Amino acid sequence: AFLGDVGEMLVLLAASILFVVAILKKEADRKNK
């Protein structure tokens, strides 16, 4: 593995945050339409 425990946690946190932002943007776009 090239990441340690903390690195894994930060990468998973980043993926989760980016996913939530994408979903919220799609929801806002749908609401505006």
PDB file of all heavy atoms in Angstrom:
ATOM      1  N   ALA A   1       0.846  -1.195   0.000  1.00  0.00           N
ATOM      2  CA  ALA A   1       0.000   0.000   0.000  1.00  0.00           C
ATOM      3  C   ALA A   1       0.879   1.242   0.000  1.00  0.00           C
ATOM      4  O   ALA A   1       1.901   1.294   0.681  1.00  0.00           O
ATOM      5  CB  ALA A   1      -0.906  -0.003   1.218  1.00  0.00           C
ATOM      6  N   PHE A   2       0.493   2.242  -0.779  1.00  0.00           N
ATOM      7  CA  PHE A   2       1.310   3.445  -0.871  1.00  0.00           C
ATOM      8  C   PHE A   2       0.815   4.561   0.050  1.00  0.00           C
ATOM      9  O   PHE A   2       1.446   5.590   0.167  1.00  0.00           O
ATOM     10  CB  PHE A   2       1.410   3.935  -2.325  1.00  0.00           C
ATOM     11  CG  PHE A   2       0.094   4.081  -3.033  1.00  0.00           C
ATOM     12  CD1 PHE A   2      -0.615   5.265  -2.981  1.00  0.00           C
ATOM     13  CD2 PHE A   2      -0.429   3.031  -3.761  1.00  0.00           C
ATOM     14  CE1 PHE A   2      -1.816   5.406  -3.628  1.00  0.00           C
ATOM     15  CE2 PHE A   2      -1.628   3.161  -4.430  1.00  0.00           C
ATOM     16  CZ  PHE A   2      -2.329   4.351  -4.360  1.00  0.00           C
ATOM     17  N   LEU A   3      -0.326   4.369   0.705  1.00  0.00           N
ATOM     18  CA  LEU A   3      -0.839   5.321   1.677  1.00  0.00           C
ATOM     19  C   LEU A   3      -0.957   4.644   3.033  1.00  0.00           C
ATOM     20  O   LEU A   3      -1.283   3.459   3.125  1.00  0.00           O
ATOM     21  CB  LEU A   3      -2.222   5.833   1.268  1.00  0.00           C
ATOM     22  CG  LEU A   3      -2.318   6.682   0.016  1.00  0.00           C
ATOM     23  CD1 LEU A   3      -3.783   6.932  -0.328  1.00  0.00           C
ATOM     24  CD2 LEU A   3      -1.602   7.990   0.193  1.00  0.00           C
ATOM     25  N   GLY A   4      -0.723   5.407   4.075  1.00  0.00           N
ATOM     26  CA  GLY A   4      -0.919   4.884   5.423  1.00  0.00           C
ATOM     27  C   GLY A   4      -2.371   5.038   5.833  1.00  0.00           C
ATOM     28  O   GLY A   4      -3.247   5.395   5.030  1.00  0.00           O
ATOM     29  N   ASP A   5      -2.644   4.786   7.095  1.00  0.00           N
ATOM     30  CA  ASP A   5      -4.014   4.866   7.597  1.00  0.00           C
ATOM     31  C   ASP A   5      -4.581   6.277   7.482  1.00  0.00           C
ATOM     32  O   ASP A   5      -5.716   6.466   7.051  1.00  0.00           O
ATOM     33  CB  ASP A   5      -4.070   4.417   9.057  1.00  0.00           C
ATOM     34  CG  ASP A   5      -3.805   2.935   9.221  1.00  0.00           C
ATOM     35  OD1 ASP A   5      -3.937   2.201   8.218  1.00  0.00           O
ATOM     36  OD2 ASP A   5      -3.465   2.522  10.341  1.00  0.00           O
ATOM     37  N   VAL A   6      -3.792   7.261   7.859  1.00  0.00           N
ATOM     38  CA  VAL A   6      -4.261   8.642   7.800  1.00  0.00           C
ATOM     39  C   VAL A   6      -4.442   9.076   6.350  1.00  0.00           C
ATOM     40  O   VAL A   6      -5.417   9.749   6.008  1.00  0.00           O
ATOM     41  CB  VAL A   6      -3.285   9.584   8.540  1.00  0.00           C
ATOM     42  CG1 VAL A   6      -3.702  11.034   8.394  1.00  0.00           C
ATOM     43  CG2 VAL A   6      -3.201   9.209  10.013  1.00  0.00           C
ATOM     44  N   GLY A   7      -3.544   8.675   5.478  1.00  0.00           N
ATOM     45  CA  GLY A   7      -3.668   8.996   4.062  1.00  0.00           C
ATOM     46  C   GLY A   7      -4.918   8.397   3.452  1.00  0.00           C
ATOM     47  O   GLY A   7      -5.623   9.052   2.675  1.00  0.00           O
ATOM     48  N   GLU A   8      -5.201   7.151   3.807  1.00  0.00           N
ATOM     49  CA  GLU A   8      -6.427   6.497   3.328  1.00  0.00           C
ATOM     50  C   GLU A   8      -7.662   7.258   3.791  1.00  0.00           C
ATOM     51  O   GLU A   8      -8.593   7.471   3.028  1.00  0.00           O
ATOM     52  CB  GLU A   8      -6.518   5.063   3.846  1.00  0.00           C
ATOM     53  CG  GLU A   8      -5.773   4.061   3.042  1.00  0.00           C
ATOM     54  CD  GLU A   8      -6.022   2.646   3.538  1.00  0.00           C
ATOM     55  OE1 GLU A   8      -6.816   2.446   4.483  1.00  0.00           O
ATOM     56  OE2 GLU A   8      -5.421   1.737   2.960  1.00  0.00           O
ATOM     57  N   MET A   9      -7.655   7.659   5.059  1.00  0.00           N
ATOM     58  CA  MET A   9      -8.796   8.372   5.601  1.00  0.00           C
ATOM     59  C   MET A   9      -8.996   9.700   4.871  1.00  0.00           C
ATOM     60  O   MET A   9     -10.128  10.053   4.509  1.00  0.00           O
ATOM     61  CB  MET A   9      -8.613   8.641   7.091  1.00  0.00           C
ATOM     62  CG  MET A   9      -9.763   9.412   7.693  1.00  0.00           C
ATOM     63  SD  MET A   9      -9.390  10.299   9.215  1.00  0.00           S
ATOM     64  CE  MET A   9      -8.076  11.387   8.722  1.00  0.00           C
ATOM     65  N   LEU A  10      -7.920  10.423   4.608  1.00  0.00           N
ATOM     66  CA  LEU A  10      -8.028  11.709   3.942  1.00  0.00           C
ATOM     67  C   LEU A  10      -8.490  11.567   2.492  1.00  0.00           C
ATOM     68  O   LEU A  10      -9.292  12.375   2.007  1.00  0.00           O
ATOM     69  CB  LEU A  10      -6.690  12.452   4.007  1.00  0.00           C
ATOM     70  CG  LEU A  10      -6.274  12.910   5.409  1.00  0.00           C
ATOM     71  CD1 LEU A  10      -4.892  13.523   5.364  1.00  0.00           C
ATOM     72  CD2 LEU A  10      -7.281  13.876   5.987  1.00  0.00           C
ATOM     73  N   VAL A  11      -8.011  10.538   1.817  1.00  0.00           N
ATOM     74  CA  VAL A  11      -8.437  10.307   0.437  1.00  0.00           C
ATOM     75  C   VAL A  11      -9.919   9.927   0.400  1.00  0.00           C
ATOM     76  O   VAL A  11     -10.671  10.427  -0.444  1.00  0.00           O
ATOM     77  CB  VAL A  11      -7.555   9.224  -0.231  1.00  0.00           C
ATOM     78  CG1 VAL A  11      -8.129   8.780  -1.559  1.00  0.00           C
ATOM     79  CG2 VAL A  11      -6.142   9.749  -0.428  1.00  0.00           C
ATOM     80  N   LEU A  12     -10.353   9.070   1.298  1.00  0.00           N
ATOM     81  CA  LEU A  12     -11.771   8.699   1.348  1.00  0.00           C
ATOM     82  C   LEU A  12     -12.639   9.891   1.733  1.00  0.00           C
ATOM     83  O   LEU A  12     -13.731  10.069   1.188  1.00  0.00           O
ATOM     84  CB  LEU A  12     -11.978   7.539   2.319  1.00  0.00           C
ATOM     85  CG  LEU A  12     -13.346   6.895   2.325  1.00  0.00           C
ATOM     86  CD1 LEU A  12     -13.715   6.383   0.935  1.00  0.00           C
ATOM     87  CD2 LEU A  12     -13.391   5.764   3.320  1.00  0.00           C
ATOM     88  N   LEU A  13     -12.163  10.730   2.637  1.00  0.00           N
ATOM     89  CA  LEU A  13     -12.887  11.935   3.012  1.00  0.00           C
ATOM     90  C   LEU A  13     -13.020  12.871   1.814  1.00  0.00           C
ATOM     91  O   LEU A  13     -14.099  13.429   1.567  1.00  0.00           O
ATOM     92  CB  LEU A  13     -12.176  12.644   4.168  1.00  0.00           C
ATOM     93  CG  LEU A  13     -12.789  13.962   4.625  1.00  0.00           C
ATOM     94  CD1 LEU A  13     -14.149  13.720   5.267  1.00  0.00           C
ATOM     95  CD2 LEU A  13     -11.856  14.652   5.597  1.00  0.00           C
ATOM     96  N   ALA A  14     -11.948  13.036   1.060  1.00  0.00           N
ATOM     97  CA  ALA A  14     -11.988  13.892  -0.129  1.00  0.00           C
ATOM     98  C   ALA A  14     -12.977  13.353  -1.157  1.00  0.00           C
ATOM     99  O   ALA A  14     -13.745  14.115  -1.746  1.00  0.00           O
ATOM    100  CB  ALA A  14     -10.592  14.011  -0.742  1.00  0.00           C
ATOM    101  N   ALA A  15     -12.978  12.033  -1.365  1.00  0.00           N
ATOM    102  CA  ALA A  15     -13.916  11.434  -2.315  1.00  0.00           C
ATOM    103  C   ALA A  15     -15.356  11.655  -1.855  1.00  0.00           C
ATOM    104  O   ALA A  15     -16.231  11.971  -2.669  1.00  0.00           O
ATOM    105  CB  ALA A  15     -13.635   9.943  -2.468  1.00  0.00           C
ATOM    106  N   SER A  16     -15.597  11.520  -0.577  1.00  0.00           N
ATOM    107  CA  SER A  16     -16.952  11.720  -0.047  1.00  0.00           C
ATOM    108  C   SER A  16     -17.401  13.165  -0.195  1.00  0.00           C
ATOM    109  O   SER A  16     -18.542  13.433  -0.599  1.00  0.00           O
ATOM    110  CB  SER A  16     -17.001  11.327   1.434  1.00  0.00           C
ATOM    111  OG  SER A  16     -16.650   9.987   1.596  1.00  0.00           O
ATOM    112  N   ILE A  17     -16.525  14.106   0.109  1.00  0.00           N
ATOM    113  CA  ILE A  17     -16.869  15.522  -0.007  1.00  0.00           C
ATOM    114  C   ILE A  17     -17.138  15.891  -1.460  1.00  0.00           C
ATOM    115  O   ILE A  17     -18.113  16.581  -1.772  1.00  0.00           O
ATOM    116  CB  ILE A  17     -15.763  16.398   0.605  1.00  0.00           C
ATOM    117  CG1 ILE A  17     -15.773  16.247   2.124  1.00  0.00           C
ATOM    118  CG2 ILE A  17     -15.932  17.863   0.206  1.00  0.00           C
ATOM    119  CD1 ILE A  17     -14.611  16.897   2.824  1.00  0.00           C
ATOM    120  N   LEU A  18     -16.288  15.435  -2.370  1.00  0.00           N
ATOM    121  CA  LEU A  18     -16.497  15.724  -3.785  1.00  0.00           C
ATOM    122  C   LEU A  18     -17.814  15.129  -4.280  1.00  0.00           C
ATOM    123  O   LEU A  18     -18.525  15.753  -5.070  1.00  0.00           O
ATOM    124  CB  LEU A  18     -15.326  15.199  -4.614  1.00  0.00           C
ATOM    125  CG  LEU A  18     -14.022  15.978  -4.474  1.00  0.00           C
ATOM    126  CD1 LEU A  18     -12.875  15.196  -5.098  1.00  0.00           C
ATOM    127  CD2 LEU A  18     -14.151  17.344  -5.102  1.00  0.00           C
ATOM    128  N   PHE A  19     -18.160  13.932  -3.814  1.00  0.00           N
ATOM    129  CA  PHE A  19     -19.413  13.302  -4.208  1.00  0.00           C
ATOM    130  C   PHE A  19     -20.611  14.105  -3.704  1.00  0.00           C
ATOM    131  O   PHE A  19     -21.573  14.342  -4.440  1.00  0.00           O
ATOM    132  CB  PHE A  19     -19.473  11.869  -3.688  1.00  0.00           C
ATOM    133  CG  PHE A  19     -20.719  11.141  -4.081  1.00  0.00           C
ATOM    134  CD1 PHE A  19     -20.867  10.661  -5.371  1.00  0.00           C
ATOM    135  CD2 PHE A  19     -21.730  10.928  -3.168  1.00  0.00           C
ATOM    136  CE1 PHE A  19     -22.022   9.993  -5.751  1.00  0.00           C
ATOM    137  CE2 PHE A  19     -22.886  10.263  -3.531  1.00  0.00           C
ATOM    138  CZ  PHE A  19     -23.021   9.791  -4.829  1.00  0.00           C
ATOM    139  N   VAL A  20     -20.549  14.545  -2.466  1.00  0.00           N
ATOM    140  CA  VAL A  20     -21.648  15.332  -1.898  1.00  0.00           C
ATOM    141  C   VAL A  20     -21.805  16.649  -2.645  1.00  0.00           C
ATOM    142  O   VAL A  20     -22.920  17.071  -2.956  1.00  0.00           O
ATOM    143  CB  VAL A  20     -21.427  15.563  -0.387  1.00  0.00           C
ATOM    144  CG1 VAL A  20     -22.385  16.604   0.156  1.00  0.00           C
ATOM    145  CG2 VAL A  20     -21.580  14.257   0.376  1.00  0.00           C
ATOM    146  N   VAL A  21     -20.691  17.305  -2.971  1.00  0.00           N
ATOM    147  CA  VAL A  21     -20.758  18.557  -3.724  1.00  0.00           C
ATOM    148  C   VAL A  21     -21.395  18.311  -5.094  1.00  0.00           C
ATOM    149  O   VAL A  21     -22.238  19.093  -5.552  1.00  0.00           O
ATOM    150  CB  VAL A  21     -19.358  19.186  -3.863  1.00  0.00           C
ATOM    151  CG1 VAL A  21     -19.354  20.322  -4.870  1.00  0.00           C
ATOM    152  CG2 VAL A  21     -18.860  19.675  -2.518  1.00  0.00           C
ATOM    153  N   ALA A  22     -21.015  17.232  -5.756  1.00  0.00           N
ATOM    154  CA  ALA A  22     -21.580  16.919  -7.071  1.00  0.00           C
ATOM    155  C   ALA A  22     -23.085  16.692  -6.976  1.00  0.00           C
ATOM    156  O   ALA A  22     -23.852  17.204  -7.814  1.00  0.00           O
ATOM    157  CB  ALA A  22     -20.895  15.692  -7.662  1.00  0.00           C
ATOM    158  N   ILE A  23     -23.531  15.963  -5.988  1.00  0.00           N
ATOM    159  CA  ILE A  23     -24.959  15.684  -5.826  1.00  0.00           C
ATOM    160  C   ILE A  23     -25.727  16.962  -5.502  1.00  0.00           C
ATOM    161  O   ILE A  23     -26.809  17.207  -6.046  1.00  0.00           O
ATOM    162  CB  ILE A  23     -25.185  14.610  -4.740  1.00  0.00           C
ATOM    163  CG1 ILE A  23     -24.574  13.286  -5.170  1.00  0.00           C
ATOM    164  CG2 ILE A  23     -26.664  14.452  -4.414  1.00  0.00           C
ATOM    165  CD1 ILE A  23     -25.102  12.756  -6.476  1.00  0.00           C
ATOM    166  N   LEU A  24     -25.175  17.810  -4.632  1.00  0.00           N
ATOM    167  CA  LEU A  24     -25.851  19.054  -4.284  1.00  0.00           C
ATOM    168  C   LEU A  24     -25.935  19.998  -5.485  1.00  0.00           C
ATOM    169  O   LEU A  24     -26.940  20.688  -5.665  1.00  0.00           O
ATOM    170  CB  LEU A  24     -25.144  19.738  -3.118  1.00  0.00           C
ATOM    171  CG  LEU A  24     -25.300  19.050  -1.766  1.00  0.00           C
ATOM    172  CD1 LEU A  24     -24.464  19.750  -0.711  1.00  0.00           C
ATOM    173  CD2 LEU A  24     -26.758  18.994  -1.348  1.00  0.00           C
ATOM    174  N   LYS A  25     -24.893  20.027  -6.314  1.00  0.00           N
ATOM    175  CA  LYS A  25     -24.936  20.856  -7.520  1.00  0.00           C
ATOM    176  C   LYS A  25     -25.992  20.343  -8.500  1.00  0.00           C
ATOM    177  O   LYS A  25     -26.720  21.128  -9.093  1.00  0.00           O
ATOM    178  CB  LYS A  25     -23.562  20.905  -8.193  1.00  0.00           C
ATOM    179  CG  LYS A  25     -22.579  21.824  -7.482  1.00  0.00           C
ATOM    180  CD  LYS A  25     -21.262  21.916  -8.198  1.00  0.00           C
ATOM    181  CE  LYS A  25     -21.330  22.607  -9.505  1.00  0.00           C
ATOM    182  NZ  LYS A  25     -21.499  24.037  -9.487  1.00  0.00           N
ATOM    183  N   LYS A  26     -26.077  19.026  -8.666  1.00  0.00           N
ATOM    184  CA  LYS A  26     -27.098  18.462  -9.554  1.00  0.00           C
ATOM    185  C   LYS A  26     -28.496  18.776  -9.040  1.00  0.00           C
ATOM    186  O   LYS A  26     -29.398  19.094  -9.810  1.00  0.00           O
ATOM    187  CB  LYS A  26     -26.915  16.955  -9.692  1.00  0.00           C
ATOM    188  CG  LYS A  26     -25.819  16.559 -10.638  1.00  0.00           C
ATOM    189  CD  LYS A  26     -25.874  15.069 -10.894  1.00  0.00           C
ATOM    190  CE  LYS A  26     -24.782  14.659 -11.827  1.00  0.00           C
ATOM    191  NZ  LYS A  26     -25.161  14.824 -13.228  1.00  0.00           N
ATOM    192  N   GLU A  27     -28.682  18.684  -7.741  1.00  0.00           N
ATOM    193  CA  GLU A  27     -29.985  18.985  -7.157  1.00  0.00           C
ATOM    194  C   GLU A  27     -30.329  20.461  -7.348  1.00  0.00           C
ATOM    195  O   GLU A  27     -31.483  20.797  -7.673  1.00  0.00           O
ATOM    196  CB  GLU A  27     -29.966  18.636  -5.671  1.00  0.00           C
ATOM    197  CG  GLU A  27     -31.296  18.785  -4.991  1.00  0.00           C
ATOM    198  CD  GLU A  27     -31.274  18.321  -3.553  1.00  0.00           C
ATOM    199  OE1 GLU A  27     -30.552  17.356  -3.254  1.00  0.00           O
ATOM    200  OE2 GLU A  27     -31.978  18.937  -2.742  1.00  0.00           O
ATOM    201  N   ALA A  28     -29.367  21.347  -7.171  1.00  0.00           N
ATOM    202  CA  ALA A  28     -29.608  22.780  -7.374  1.00  0.00           C
ATOM    203  C   ALA A  28     -29.926  23.071  -8.824  1.00  0.00           C
ATOM    204  O   ALA A  28     -30.807  23.884  -9.120  1.00  0.00           O
ATOM    205  CB  ALA A  28     -28.394  23.581  -6.910  1.00  0.00           C
ATOM    206  N   ASP A  29     -29.225  22.433  -9.748  1.00  0.00           N
ATOM    207  CA  ASP A  29     -29.511  22.626 -11.170  1.00  0.00           C
ATOM    208  C   ASP A  29     -30.923  22.149 -11.518  1.00  0.00           C
ATOM    209  O   ASP A  29     -31.634  22.809 -12.269  1.00  0.00           O
ATOM    210  CB  ASP A  29     -28.482  21.896 -12.043  1.00  0.00           C
ATOM    211  CG  ASP A  29     -27.122  22.529 -11.993  1.00  0.00           C
ATOM    212  OD1 ASP A  29     -27.013  23.702 -11.556  1.00  0.00           O
ATOM    213  OD2 ASP A  29     -26.151  21.868 -12.403  1.00  0.00           O
ATOM    214  N   ARG A  30     -31.307  21.013 -10.989  1.00  0.00           N
ATOM    215  CA  ARG A  30     -32.647  20.493 -11.243  1.00  0.00           C
ATOM    216  C   ARG A  30     -33.712  21.426 -10.665  1.00  0.00           C
ATOM    217  O   ARG A  30     -34.739  21.674 -11.284  1.00  0.00           O
ATOM    218  CB  ARG A  30     -32.798  19.100 -10.649  1.00  0.00           C
ATOM    219  CG  ARG A  30     -34.144  18.478 -10.976  1.00  0.00           C
ATOM    220  CD  ARG A  30     -34.329  17.123 -10.392  1.00  0.00           C
ATOM    221  NE  ARG A  30     -33.305  16.215 -10.891  1.00  0.00           N
ATOM    222  CZ  ARG A  30     -33.018  15.057 -10.321  1.00  0.00           C
ATOM    223  NH1 ARG A  30     -33.685  14.667  -9.252  1.00  0.00           N
ATOM    224  NH2 ARG A  30     -32.090  14.291 -10.823  1.00  0.00           N
ATOM    225  N   LYS A  31     -33.435  21.968  -9.485  1.00  0.00           N
ATOM    226  CA  LYS A  31     -34.380  22.877  -8.857  1.00  0.00           C
ATOM    227  C   LYS A  31     -34.518  24.161  -9.682  1.00  0.00           C
ATOM    228  O   LYS A  31     -35.615  24.684  -9.823  1.00  0.00           O
ATOM    229  CB  LYS A  31     -33.900  23.196  -7.449  1.00  0.00           C
ATOM    230  CG  LYS A  31     -34.917  23.818  -6.559  1.00  0.00           C
ATOM    231  CD  LYS A  31     -34.377  23.923  -5.159  1.00  0.00           C
ATOM    232  CE  LYS A  31     -35.483  24.213  -4.183  1.00  0.00           C
ATOM    233  NZ  LYS A  31     -35.000  24.274  -2.813  1.00  0.00           N
ATOM    234  N   ASN A  32     -33.415  24.661 -10.223  1.00  0.00           N
ATOM    235  CA  ASN A  32     -33.454  25.871 -11.041  1.00  0.00           C
ATOM    236  C   ASN A  32     -34.186  25.633 -12.370  1.00  0.00           C
ATOM    237  O   ASN A  32     -34.827  26.531 -12.879  1.00  0.00           O
ATOM    238  CB  ASN A  32     -32.049  26.389 -11.319  1.00  0.00           C
ATOM    239  CG  ASN A  32     -31.423  27.015 -10.092  1.00  0.00           C
ATOM    240  OD1 ASN A  32     -32.132  27.449  -9.187  1.00  0.00           O
ATOM    241  ND2 ASN A  32     -30.119  27.042 -10.036  1.00  0.00           N
ATOM    242  N   LYS A  33     -34.060  24.431 -12.930  1.00  0.00           N
ATOM    243  CA  LYS A  33     -34.762  24.117 -14.170  1.00  0.00           C
ATOM    244  C   LYS A  33     -36.277  24.074 -13.982  1.00  0.00           C
ATOM    245  O   LYS A  33     -37.033  24.391 -14.881  1.00  0.00           O
ATOM    246  CB  LYS A  33     -34.301  22.768 -14.740  1.00  0.00           C
ATOM    247  CG  LYS A  33     -33.030  22.840 -15.511  1.00  0.00           C
ATOM    248  CD  LYS A  33     -32.753  21.509 -16.159  1.00  0.00           C
ATOM    249  CE  LYS A  33     -31.494  21.574 -16.996  1.00  0.00           C
ATOM    250  NZ  LYS A  33     -31.219  20.284 -17.622  1.00  0.00           N
TER     251      LYS A  33
END
